[in-house]
N, C-alpha and C. Protein backbone atom coordinates (compact mmCIF):
# COMPACT_ATOMS: atom_id res chain seq x y z
N MET A 1 25.07 57.41 11.28
CA MET A 1 25.10 55.91 11.23
C MET A 1 24.41 55.33 10.23
N SER A 2 24.99 54.49 9.46
CA SER A 2 24.46 53.99 8.20
C SER A 2 23.41 52.63 8.62
N ARG A 3 22.47 52.60 7.61
CA ARG A 3 21.63 51.62 7.73
C ARG A 3 21.95 50.39 6.97
N HIS A 4 23.09 50.46 6.12
CA HIS A 4 23.70 49.40 5.55
C HIS A 4 24.13 48.27 6.39
N GLY A 5 24.64 48.48 7.44
CA GLY A 5 25.09 47.29 8.18
C GLY A 5 23.91 46.53 8.86
N ALA A 6 22.77 47.04 9.19
CA ALA A 6 21.72 46.49 9.64
C ALA A 6 20.91 45.56 8.96
N SER A 7 20.91 45.71 7.50
CA SER A 7 20.07 45.08 6.49
C SER A 7 20.98 43.76 5.99
N ARG A 8 21.97 43.71 6.48
CA ARG A 8 22.72 42.50 5.83
C ARG A 8 22.06 41.37 5.61
N GLY A 9 22.46 40.51 4.57
CA GLY A 9 21.80 38.97 4.38
C GLY A 9 22.70 38.04 4.58
N PHE A 10 22.40 36.95 3.98
CA PHE A 10 23.52 35.54 4.18
C PHE A 10 24.63 35.78 3.32
N THR A 11 25.85 35.48 3.84
CA THR A 11 27.04 35.39 2.91
C THR A 11 26.92 33.93 2.14
N LEU A 12 27.84 34.15 1.11
CA LEU A 12 28.06 33.09 0.31
C LEU A 12 28.49 31.85 0.91
N VAL A 13 29.40 31.93 1.87
CA VAL A 13 29.97 30.73 2.87
C VAL A 13 28.67 30.19 3.73
N GLU A 14 27.77 31.06 4.18
CA GLU A 14 26.60 30.60 5.14
C GLU A 14 25.74 29.70 4.19
N VAL A 15 25.41 30.19 2.88
CA VAL A 15 24.64 29.50 2.15
C VAL A 15 25.17 28.16 1.58
N LEU A 16 26.33 28.08 1.32
CA LEU A 16 27.00 26.92 0.96
C LEU A 16 27.02 25.85 2.02
N VAL A 17 27.27 26.31 3.26
CA VAL A 17 27.42 25.45 4.56
C VAL A 17 25.81 24.96 4.69
N ALA A 18 24.73 25.79 4.49
CA ALA A 18 23.41 25.40 4.65
C ALA A 18 22.97 24.22 3.56
N LEU A 19 23.49 24.45 2.36
CA LEU A 19 23.43 23.51 1.23
C LEU A 19 24.11 22.11 1.46
N MET A 20 25.20 22.24 2.07
CA MET A 20 26.00 20.98 2.36
C MET A 20 25.34 20.17 3.41
N VAL A 21 24.67 20.75 4.49
CA VAL A 21 23.96 20.10 5.57
C VAL A 21 22.59 19.42 5.05
N VAL A 22 21.89 20.25 4.05
CA VAL A 22 20.76 19.69 3.60
C VAL A 22 21.15 18.50 2.59
N ALA A 23 22.09 18.59 1.74
CA ALA A 23 22.58 17.53 0.85
C ALA A 23 22.95 16.29 1.68
N MET A 24 23.63 16.37 2.74
CA MET A 24 24.21 15.28 3.62
C MET A 24 22.77 14.70 4.14
N GLY A 25 21.91 15.30 4.63
CA GLY A 25 20.61 14.80 5.18
C GLY A 25 19.79 14.03 4.06
N LEU A 26 19.55 14.64 2.78
CA LEU A 26 19.26 13.90 1.72
C LEU A 26 19.89 12.81 1.38
N ALA A 27 21.18 12.60 1.38
CA ALA A 27 22.03 11.37 0.93
C ALA A 27 21.64 10.30 2.14
N ALA A 28 21.85 10.76 3.34
CA ALA A 28 21.39 9.61 4.46
C ALA A 28 19.89 9.12 4.22
N LEU A 29 18.90 9.91 3.99
CA LEU A 29 17.58 9.59 3.60
C LEU A 29 17.53 8.51 2.40
N MET A 30 18.37 8.84 1.44
CA MET A 30 18.33 7.88 0.20
C MET A 30 18.91 6.63 0.47
N VAL A 31 19.94 6.67 1.31
CA VAL A 31 20.57 5.34 1.65
C VAL A 31 19.74 4.61 2.65
N ALA A 32 18.90 5.08 3.29
CA ALA A 32 17.75 4.46 4.37
C ALA A 32 16.81 3.69 3.40
N VAL A 33 16.37 4.64 2.46
CA VAL A 33 15.14 4.23 1.68
C VAL A 33 15.52 3.05 0.64
N SER A 34 16.72 3.12 0.18
CA SER A 34 17.37 2.11 -0.69
C SER A 34 17.49 0.74 0.04
N GLY A 35 18.02 0.97 1.31
CA GLY A 35 18.24 -0.39 1.97
C GLY A 35 17.01 -0.99 2.39
N THR A 36 16.01 -0.22 2.67
CA THR A 36 14.53 -0.85 3.08
C THR A 36 14.12 -1.53 1.86
N ALA A 37 14.17 -0.95 0.56
CA ALA A 37 13.62 -1.43 -0.58
C ALA A 37 14.50 -2.55 -1.01
N ARG A 38 15.83 -2.70 -0.76
CA ARG A 38 16.73 -3.89 -0.94
C ARG A 38 16.28 -4.94 -0.07
N SER A 39 16.00 -4.84 1.23
CA SER A 39 15.55 -5.77 2.04
C SER A 39 14.29 -6.38 1.88
N SER A 40 13.36 -5.48 1.48
CA SER A 40 12.10 -5.95 1.21
C SER A 40 12.04 -6.93 -0.24
N GLY A 41 12.77 -6.71 -0.99
CA GLY A 41 12.99 -7.46 -2.05
C GLY A 41 13.46 -8.69 -1.88
N TYR A 42 14.67 -8.97 -1.09
CA TYR A 42 15.21 -10.00 -0.75
C TYR A 42 14.32 -10.84 0.17
N LEU A 43 13.54 -10.24 0.98
CA LEU A 43 12.42 -11.16 1.75
C LEU A 43 11.47 -11.70 0.88
N ARG A 44 11.09 -10.82 -0.29
CA ARG A 44 10.05 -11.33 -1.07
C ARG A 44 10.67 -12.60 -1.85
N ASP A 45 11.91 -12.55 -2.20
CA ASP A 45 12.50 -13.57 -2.97
C ASP A 45 12.72 -14.85 -2.15
N LYS A 46 12.92 -14.50 -0.88
CA LYS A 46 13.26 -15.76 0.17
C LYS A 46 11.87 -16.35 0.37
N THR A 47 10.97 -15.57 0.41
CA THR A 47 9.48 -16.22 0.66
C THR A 47 9.11 -17.10 -0.50
N LEU A 48 9.16 -16.49 -1.67
CA LEU A 48 9.03 -17.37 -2.96
C LEU A 48 9.78 -18.76 -2.87
N ALA A 49 10.99 -18.32 -2.57
CA ALA A 49 11.98 -19.58 -2.84
C ALA A 49 11.58 -20.77 -1.59
N GLN A 50 11.19 -20.32 -0.53
CA GLN A 50 10.66 -21.15 0.50
C GLN A 50 9.35 -21.90 -0.01
N TRP A 51 8.44 -21.23 -0.43
CA TRP A 51 7.34 -21.96 -1.20
C TRP A 51 7.63 -22.97 -2.21
N MET A 52 8.55 -22.62 -3.12
CA MET A 52 8.94 -23.58 -3.86
C MET A 52 9.62 -24.90 -3.37
N ALA A 53 10.45 -24.70 -2.37
CA ALA A 53 10.94 -25.48 -1.72
C ALA A 53 10.15 -26.55 -1.16
N LEU A 54 9.06 -26.01 -0.56
CA LEU A 54 8.06 -26.84 0.05
C LEU A 54 7.14 -27.43 -0.86
N ASN A 55 6.73 -26.89 -2.00
CA ASN A 55 6.18 -27.51 -3.00
C ASN A 55 6.93 -28.70 -3.60
N ARG A 56 8.05 -28.63 -3.83
CA ARG A 56 9.09 -29.58 -4.50
C ARG A 56 9.05 -30.82 -3.54
N LEU A 57 9.04 -30.43 -2.13
CA LEU A 57 9.24 -31.63 -1.18
C LEU A 57 7.73 -32.16 -1.18
N ALA A 58 6.89 -31.57 -1.30
CA ALA A 58 5.43 -32.23 -1.54
C ALA A 58 5.22 -32.99 -2.67
N GLU A 59 5.91 -32.59 -3.73
CA GLU A 59 5.82 -33.56 -4.97
C GLU A 59 6.78 -34.74 -4.90
N VAL A 60 7.65 -34.56 -4.07
CA VAL A 60 8.54 -35.90 -3.82
C VAL A 60 7.87 -36.89 -2.97
N ARG A 61 7.23 -36.23 -1.86
CA ARG A 61 6.54 -37.15 -0.87
C ARG A 61 5.48 -37.86 -1.63
N MET A 62 4.74 -37.22 -2.72
CA MET A 62 3.54 -37.70 -3.47
C MET A 62 3.97 -38.50 -4.36
N ASN A 63 5.20 -38.69 -4.77
CA ASN A 63 5.91 -39.44 -5.87
C ASN A 63 5.37 -39.07 -7.33
N LEU A 64 5.03 -37.67 -7.20
CA LEU A 64 4.74 -37.18 -8.58
C LEU A 64 5.98 -37.24 -9.54
N ILE A 65 6.92 -36.96 -8.90
CA ILE A 65 8.26 -37.09 -9.61
C ILE A 65 8.97 -38.16 -9.00
N LYS A 66 9.51 -39.16 -9.71
CA LYS A 66 10.33 -40.00 -9.08
C LYS A 66 11.74 -39.63 -8.71
N PHE A 67 12.11 -39.93 -7.64
CA PHE A 67 13.43 -39.35 -7.01
C PHE A 67 14.57 -40.29 -7.68
N GLY A 68 15.73 -39.58 -7.87
CA GLY A 68 16.95 -40.19 -8.48
C GLY A 68 17.58 -41.00 -7.33
N GLN A 69 18.93 -41.45 -7.68
CA GLN A 69 19.71 -42.04 -6.70
C GLN A 69 20.07 -41.09 -5.44
N ASN A 70 20.97 -40.04 -5.84
CA ASN A 70 21.27 -39.09 -4.79
C ASN A 70 20.88 -37.67 -5.02
N THR A 71 20.60 -37.21 -6.26
CA THR A 71 20.37 -35.87 -6.46
C THR A 71 19.39 -35.71 -7.63
N ASP A 72 18.69 -34.68 -7.58
CA ASP A 72 17.79 -34.32 -8.68
C ASP A 72 17.69 -32.78 -8.82
N THR A 73 17.71 -32.33 -10.08
CA THR A 73 17.88 -30.82 -10.25
C THR A 73 16.77 -30.56 -11.16
N GLY A 74 16.47 -29.36 -11.19
CA GLY A 74 15.47 -28.64 -12.09
C GLY A 74 15.27 -27.25 -12.24
N GLU A 75 14.68 -26.76 -13.12
CA GLU A 75 14.52 -25.23 -13.49
C GLU A 75 12.92 -25.16 -13.53
N LEU A 76 12.41 -24.09 -13.10
CA LEU A 76 11.24 -23.53 -13.11
C LEU A 76 11.09 -22.08 -13.23
N SER A 77 9.76 -21.65 -13.66
CA SER A 77 9.51 -20.26 -13.77
C SER A 77 8.31 -19.96 -12.83
N PHE A 78 8.51 -19.02 -11.98
CA PHE A 78 7.54 -18.60 -10.92
C PHE A 78 7.71 -17.30 -10.55
N ALA A 79 6.46 -16.55 -10.53
CA ALA A 79 6.39 -15.22 -10.39
C ALA A 79 7.23 -14.33 -11.34
N ASN A 80 7.17 -14.81 -12.57
CA ASN A 80 7.82 -14.06 -13.63
C ASN A 80 9.34 -14.01 -13.49
N ARG A 81 9.89 -14.99 -12.98
CA ARG A 81 11.27 -15.18 -12.68
C ARG A 81 11.84 -16.65 -12.77
N ALA A 82 13.16 -16.77 -13.36
CA ALA A 82 13.53 -18.10 -13.53
C ALA A 82 14.23 -18.51 -12.10
N TRP A 83 13.95 -19.66 -11.73
CA TRP A 83 14.53 -20.34 -10.37
C TRP A 83 15.18 -21.68 -10.74
N HIS A 84 15.99 -22.25 -10.15
CA HIS A 84 16.32 -23.57 -10.24
C HIS A 84 16.50 -24.26 -8.62
N TYR A 85 16.38 -25.59 -8.80
CA TYR A 85 16.55 -26.34 -7.34
C TYR A 85 17.29 -27.47 -7.57
N ASP A 86 17.85 -28.07 -6.36
CA ASP A 86 18.25 -29.24 -6.53
C ASP A 86 17.66 -29.84 -5.26
N THR A 87 17.63 -31.27 -5.52
CA THR A 87 16.88 -32.03 -4.49
C THR A 87 17.97 -33.27 -4.18
N ARG A 88 18.20 -33.29 -2.92
CA ARG A 88 19.26 -34.43 -2.48
C ARG A 88 18.64 -35.19 -1.47
N TYR A 89 19.02 -36.67 -1.79
CA TYR A 89 18.51 -37.82 -0.87
C TYR A 89 19.63 -38.64 -0.14
N PHE A 90 19.29 -38.48 1.07
CA PHE A 90 20.35 -39.00 2.08
C PHE A 90 19.90 -40.11 3.06
N ASP A 91 20.87 -41.28 3.09
CA ASP A 91 20.11 -42.35 3.80
C ASP A 91 20.25 -41.98 5.21
N THR A 92 19.35 -42.71 5.84
CA THR A 92 18.92 -42.49 7.41
C THR A 92 19.50 -43.87 8.14
N SER A 93 19.14 -43.82 9.48
CA SER A 93 19.64 -44.92 10.11
C SER A 93 18.46 -46.15 10.11
N ILE A 94 17.21 -45.63 9.49
CA ILE A 94 16.08 -46.53 9.11
C ILE A 94 16.53 -46.89 7.62
N PRO A 95 16.60 -48.17 7.23
CA PRO A 95 16.91 -48.50 5.95
C PRO A 95 15.69 -48.10 4.85
N THR A 96 14.39 -48.06 5.37
CA THR A 96 13.47 -47.78 4.36
C THR A 96 12.98 -46.45 4.33
N MET A 97 13.90 -45.60 4.78
CA MET A 97 13.76 -44.14 4.85
C MET A 97 14.69 -43.18 4.28
N LYS A 98 14.52 -42.06 3.58
CA LYS A 98 15.63 -41.25 3.29
C LYS A 98 15.26 -39.87 3.72
N ARG A 99 16.11 -39.20 4.08
CA ARG A 99 16.08 -37.71 4.20
C ARG A 99 16.18 -36.99 3.02
N VAL A 100 15.33 -36.02 2.69
CA VAL A 100 15.32 -35.32 1.44
C VAL A 100 15.16 -33.86 1.77
N VAL A 101 16.57 -33.16 1.15
CA VAL A 101 16.87 -31.81 1.20
C VAL A 101 16.53 -31.12 -0.13
N VAL A 102 15.76 -30.12 -0.18
CA VAL A 102 15.45 -29.24 -1.41
C VAL A 102 16.25 -27.91 -1.23
N ARG A 103 16.89 -27.39 -2.12
CA ARG A 103 17.46 -26.08 -1.93
C ARG A 103 17.08 -25.29 -3.39
N VAL A 104 16.53 -24.07 -3.16
CA VAL A 104 16.19 -23.16 -4.28
C VAL A 104 16.84 -22.01 -4.33
N TYR A 105 17.37 -21.82 -5.64
CA TYR A 105 18.07 -20.64 -6.08
C TYR A 105 17.43 -19.84 -6.95
N ALA A 106 17.88 -18.50 -6.98
CA ALA A 106 17.35 -17.63 -7.87
C ALA A 106 18.20 -17.54 -9.24
N GLY A 107 17.43 -17.56 -10.30
CA GLY A 107 18.10 -17.66 -11.69
C GLY A 107 18.08 -19.07 -12.15
N ASP A 108 18.69 -19.00 -13.48
CA ASP A 108 18.52 -20.48 -14.18
C ASP A 108 19.67 -21.25 -13.48
N ALA A 109 19.82 -22.39 -14.11
CA ALA A 109 20.87 -23.49 -13.51
C ALA A 109 22.28 -23.04 -13.75
N LYS A 110 22.53 -22.11 -14.63
CA LYS A 110 24.03 -21.72 -14.71
C LYS A 110 24.32 -20.52 -13.61
N THR A 111 23.33 -20.03 -13.17
CA THR A 111 23.69 -19.02 -12.08
C THR A 111 24.24 -19.61 -10.79
N LYS A 112 25.31 -19.09 -10.42
CA LYS A 112 25.89 -19.71 -9.23
C LYS A 112 25.58 -18.85 -8.01
N GLY A 113 25.53 -19.17 -6.96
CA GLY A 113 25.28 -18.37 -5.61
C GLY A 113 24.76 -19.52 -4.48
N ASN A 114 24.45 -18.60 -3.49
CA ASN A 114 23.92 -19.45 -2.27
C ASN A 114 22.34 -19.60 -2.42
N PRO A 115 21.86 -20.64 -1.82
CA PRO A 115 20.46 -20.76 -1.94
C PRO A 115 19.75 -19.85 -1.21
N LEU A 116 18.51 -19.44 -1.69
CA LEU A 116 17.54 -18.62 -1.02
C LEU A 116 17.01 -19.28 0.14
N ALA A 117 16.55 -20.64 -0.20
CA ALA A 117 15.65 -21.45 0.65
C ALA A 117 16.25 -22.79 0.71
N GLU A 118 16.03 -23.35 1.97
CA GLU A 118 16.26 -24.89 1.98
C GLU A 118 15.24 -25.54 2.92
N SER A 119 14.61 -26.56 2.38
CA SER A 119 13.61 -27.37 3.19
C SER A 119 13.89 -28.73 3.25
N SER A 120 13.87 -29.35 4.42
CA SER A 120 14.19 -30.89 4.62
C SER A 120 12.86 -31.67 4.89
N GLY A 121 12.83 -32.80 4.67
CA GLY A 121 11.55 -33.66 4.84
C GLY A 121 12.25 -35.18 4.76
N PHE A 122 11.26 -35.93 5.16
CA PHE A 122 11.61 -37.63 5.01
C PHE A 122 10.65 -38.09 4.03
N LEU A 123 11.16 -39.35 3.49
CA LEU A 123 10.34 -40.10 2.50
C LEU A 123 10.77 -41.61 2.79
N GLY A 124 9.83 -42.51 2.60
CA GLY A 124 10.12 -43.97 2.77
C GLY A 124 8.89 -44.68 3.14
N SER A 125 9.11 -46.08 3.21
CA SER A 125 7.98 -46.85 3.64
C SER A 125 7.79 -47.00 5.16
N ALA A 126 8.76 -46.46 5.86
CA ALA A 126 8.48 -46.38 7.34
C ALA A 126 7.33 -45.39 7.79
N LEU A 127 7.20 -44.48 6.79
CA LEU A 127 6.18 -43.68 7.09
C LEU A 127 4.77 -44.00 6.50
N SER A 128 3.69 -43.37 6.83
CA SER A 128 2.52 -43.72 6.26
C SER A 128 2.45 -43.34 4.79
N PRO A 129 2.00 -44.16 3.83
CA PRO A 129 1.97 -44.02 2.47
C PRO A 129 1.18 -42.71 2.32
N PRO A 130 1.33 -41.90 1.07
CA PRO A 130 0.69 -40.59 0.76
C PRO A 130 -0.70 -40.96 0.66
N GLY A 131 -1.50 -39.97 1.34
CA GLY A 131 -2.88 -39.85 1.20
C GLY A 131 -3.69 -40.68 2.13
N SER A 132 -2.87 -41.40 3.27
CA SER A 132 -3.57 -42.24 4.33
C SER A 132 -3.13 -41.53 5.60
N SER A 133 -3.93 -41.99 6.56
CA SER A 133 -3.49 -41.38 7.77
C SER A 133 -2.99 -42.37 8.80
N ASN A 134 -2.30 -42.05 9.80
CA ASN A 134 -1.70 -43.03 10.69
C ASN A 134 -2.85 -43.65 11.44
N SER A 135 -2.90 -44.94 11.49
CA SER A 135 -4.03 -45.62 12.37
C SER A 135 -3.74 -45.76 13.79
N ALA A 136 -2.40 -45.49 14.21
CA ALA A 136 -2.34 -45.58 15.52
C ALA A 136 -2.95 -44.41 16.46
N ASP A 137 -3.50 -45.00 17.58
CA ASP A 137 -4.14 -44.09 18.53
C ASP A 137 -3.30 -43.69 19.53
N TRP A 138 -2.49 -42.62 19.76
CA TRP A 138 -1.43 -42.32 20.52
C TRP A 138 -2.01 -41.73 21.79
N THR A 139 -3.42 -41.55 21.87
CA THR A 139 -3.88 -41.02 23.09
C THR A 139 -4.52 -41.84 24.05
N THR A 140 -4.87 -43.05 23.67
CA THR A 140 -5.47 -44.03 24.41
C THR A 140 -4.70 -44.55 25.41
N GLY A 141 -5.13 -44.42 26.84
CA GLY A 141 -4.40 -44.82 27.85
C GLY A 141 -3.22 -44.24 28.30
N SER A 142 -2.92 -43.14 27.56
CA SER A 142 -1.29 -42.53 27.81
C SER A 142 -1.42 -41.54 28.84
N THR A 143 -2.59 -40.59 29.02
CA THR A 143 -2.59 -39.66 29.92
C THR A 143 -3.52 -39.59 30.95
N PRO A 144 -3.36 -39.07 31.97
CA PRO A 144 -4.28 -39.23 33.14
C PRO A 144 -5.67 -38.54 32.55
N ALA A 145 -5.65 -37.39 32.09
CA ALA A 145 -6.81 -36.61 31.45
C ALA A 145 -7.53 -37.56 30.63
N THR A 146 -7.08 -38.54 29.73
CA THR A 146 -7.71 -39.24 28.90
C THR A 146 -8.41 -40.51 29.64
N ALA A 147 -7.44 -41.05 30.65
CA ALA A 147 -7.88 -42.16 31.46
C ALA A 147 -9.09 -41.60 32.43
N GLY A 148 -9.01 -40.57 33.09
CA GLY A 148 -10.01 -40.16 33.83
C GLY A 148 -11.34 -39.75 33.15
N ALA A 149 -11.23 -39.23 31.97
CA ALA A 149 -12.21 -38.87 31.21
C ALA A 149 -13.15 -40.21 30.83
N ALA A 150 -12.46 -41.39 30.76
CA ALA A 150 -12.89 -42.50 30.53
C ALA A 150 -13.84 -43.24 31.63
N GLY A 151 -13.80 -42.60 32.96
CA GLY A 151 -14.60 -43.06 33.96
C GLY A 151 -13.85 -44.11 34.79
N THR A 152 -12.36 -43.99 34.72
CA THR A 152 -11.62 -44.81 35.61
C THR A 152 -11.57 -44.45 36.98
N PRO A 153 -12.04 -45.19 37.90
CA PRO A 153 -12.00 -44.71 39.34
C PRO A 153 -10.69 -44.49 39.76
N GLY A 154 -10.43 -43.57 40.66
CA GLY A 154 -9.02 -43.16 41.23
C GLY A 154 -8.25 -44.31 41.64
N GLY A 155 -6.93 -44.50 41.38
CA GLY A 155 -6.02 -45.61 41.70
C GLY A 155 -6.28 -46.71 40.71
N ALA A 156 -6.92 -46.96 39.99
CA ALA A 156 -7.33 -48.13 39.13
C ALA A 156 -6.22 -48.21 38.06
N PRO A 157 -5.59 -49.34 37.89
CA PRO A 157 -4.71 -49.37 36.78
C PRO A 157 -5.42 -49.37 35.36
N VAL A 158 -4.70 -48.71 34.50
CA VAL A 158 -5.01 -48.35 33.05
C VAL A 158 -3.94 -49.12 32.45
N THR A 159 -4.58 -50.02 31.42
CA THR A 159 -3.68 -50.69 30.55
C THR A 159 -3.60 -50.03 29.18
N PRO A 160 -2.52 -49.74 28.81
CA PRO A 160 -2.46 -49.08 27.31
C PRO A 160 -2.79 -50.11 26.24
N SER A 161 -3.38 -49.47 25.10
CA SER A 161 -3.81 -50.28 23.91
C SER A 161 -2.74 -51.07 23.37
N ASN A 162 -1.37 -50.69 23.57
CA ASN A 162 -0.37 -51.27 22.98
C ASN A 162 0.33 -52.53 23.77
N GLY A 163 -0.32 -52.82 24.72
CA GLY A 163 0.03 -53.97 25.42
C GLY A 163 1.20 -53.79 26.53
N ALA A 164 1.41 -52.40 26.89
CA ALA A 164 2.43 -52.22 27.81
C ALA A 164 1.92 -52.44 29.21
N ASN A 165 3.00 -51.99 30.03
CA ASN A 165 2.64 -52.35 31.59
C ASN A 165 1.64 -51.54 32.04
N PRO A 166 0.59 -51.93 32.87
CA PRO A 166 -0.49 -51.15 33.45
C PRO A 166 0.07 -49.77 34.15
N VAL A 167 -0.55 -48.55 34.15
CA VAL A 167 -0.30 -47.38 34.60
C VAL A 167 -1.27 -47.16 35.72
N THR A 168 -0.90 -46.81 36.97
CA THR A 168 -1.89 -46.29 37.79
C THR A 168 -2.17 -44.86 37.69
N VAL A 169 -3.56 -44.58 37.60
CA VAL A 169 -3.82 -43.27 37.47
C VAL A 169 -4.69 -42.61 38.80
N THR A 170 -4.23 -41.54 39.34
CA THR A 170 -4.88 -41.14 40.49
C THR A 170 -5.41 -39.60 40.14
N PRO A 171 -6.67 -39.57 40.05
CA PRO A 171 -7.30 -38.19 39.62
C PRO A 171 -7.06 -37.06 40.51
N THR A 172 -6.74 -36.06 40.40
CA THR A 172 -6.84 -34.92 41.27
C THR A 172 -7.93 -34.25 41.33
N PRO A 173 -8.38 -33.86 42.64
CA PRO A 173 -9.90 -33.27 42.77
C PRO A 173 -9.89 -31.88 42.17
N PRO A 174 -10.92 -31.52 41.70
CA PRO A 174 -11.01 -30.26 41.10
C PRO A 174 -10.92 -29.02 42.03
N ALA A 175 -10.28 -28.00 41.44
CA ALA A 175 -10.10 -26.91 42.34
C ALA A 175 -11.43 -26.25 42.81
N PRO A 176 -11.44 -25.70 44.00
CA PRO A 176 -12.78 -24.92 44.49
C PRO A 176 -12.94 -23.85 43.42
N ALA A 177 -14.26 -23.45 43.21
CA ALA A 177 -14.62 -22.37 42.56
C ALA A 177 -14.40 -21.04 43.34
N PRO A 178 -13.72 -19.97 42.78
CA PRO A 178 -13.62 -18.93 43.61
C PRO A 178 -14.92 -18.21 44.01
N THR A 179 -14.98 -17.58 45.34
CA THR A 179 -16.18 -16.78 45.70
C THR A 179 -16.22 -15.56 45.23
N PRO A 180 -17.18 -15.01 44.55
CA PRO A 180 -17.34 -13.70 44.01
C PRO A 180 -17.20 -12.68 45.34
N THR A 181 -16.68 -11.42 45.17
CA THR A 181 -16.55 -10.46 46.35
C THR A 181 -17.89 -9.55 46.12
N PRO A 182 -18.44 -9.32 47.12
CA PRO A 182 -19.57 -8.46 47.06
C PRO A 182 -19.27 -7.09 46.62
N ARG A 183 -19.96 -6.19 45.89
CA ARG A 183 -19.79 -5.01 45.57
C ARG A 183 -20.69 -3.98 46.39
N PRO A 184 -20.17 -2.82 47.02
CA PRO A 184 -21.03 -2.21 47.60
C PRO A 184 -22.11 -1.31 46.72
N ASN A 185 -23.21 -1.15 47.25
CA ASN A 185 -24.38 -0.45 46.49
C ASN A 185 -24.03 1.15 46.39
N PRO A 186 -24.18 1.79 45.37
CA PRO A 186 -23.87 3.29 45.31
C PRO A 186 -24.85 4.02 46.15
């Protein structure tokens, strides 16, 4: 009996099949890694574009840059990249107020494509002027918790500060405190 048959190695076909399996596994791994890197880059760009859209909306609200009739465009450099935006103004049902929509695109103004971010807001004299706060107290006399905290007896009418009809507030009694359960001594 010959020992030649017992010490036999891999054939060329078996080695080629093993290499094909390894190559297919590595190719699938590279596709997954490149997809993750591409998604990460897209989310970074989308976040930067959203920041720029919100910044532009704040500039418009503070009247740092006067708005045009219906549209306003511009270019800027942010995070070592070129970006462009367009700001559009739309009429609303309130004559002294406009809706402002800012769209931000990657690249300069000649670059075509879909916006990476869009932000909307409102501008006009129907809102409080920039830098001031709204002087209306929306909590006075409008909720039972506020009225009860002011010492109003149960069932007494509360008149809101805006002159609306009185509202009867009936306070609810507090819930009883839970009783602790005794623990057995060891």
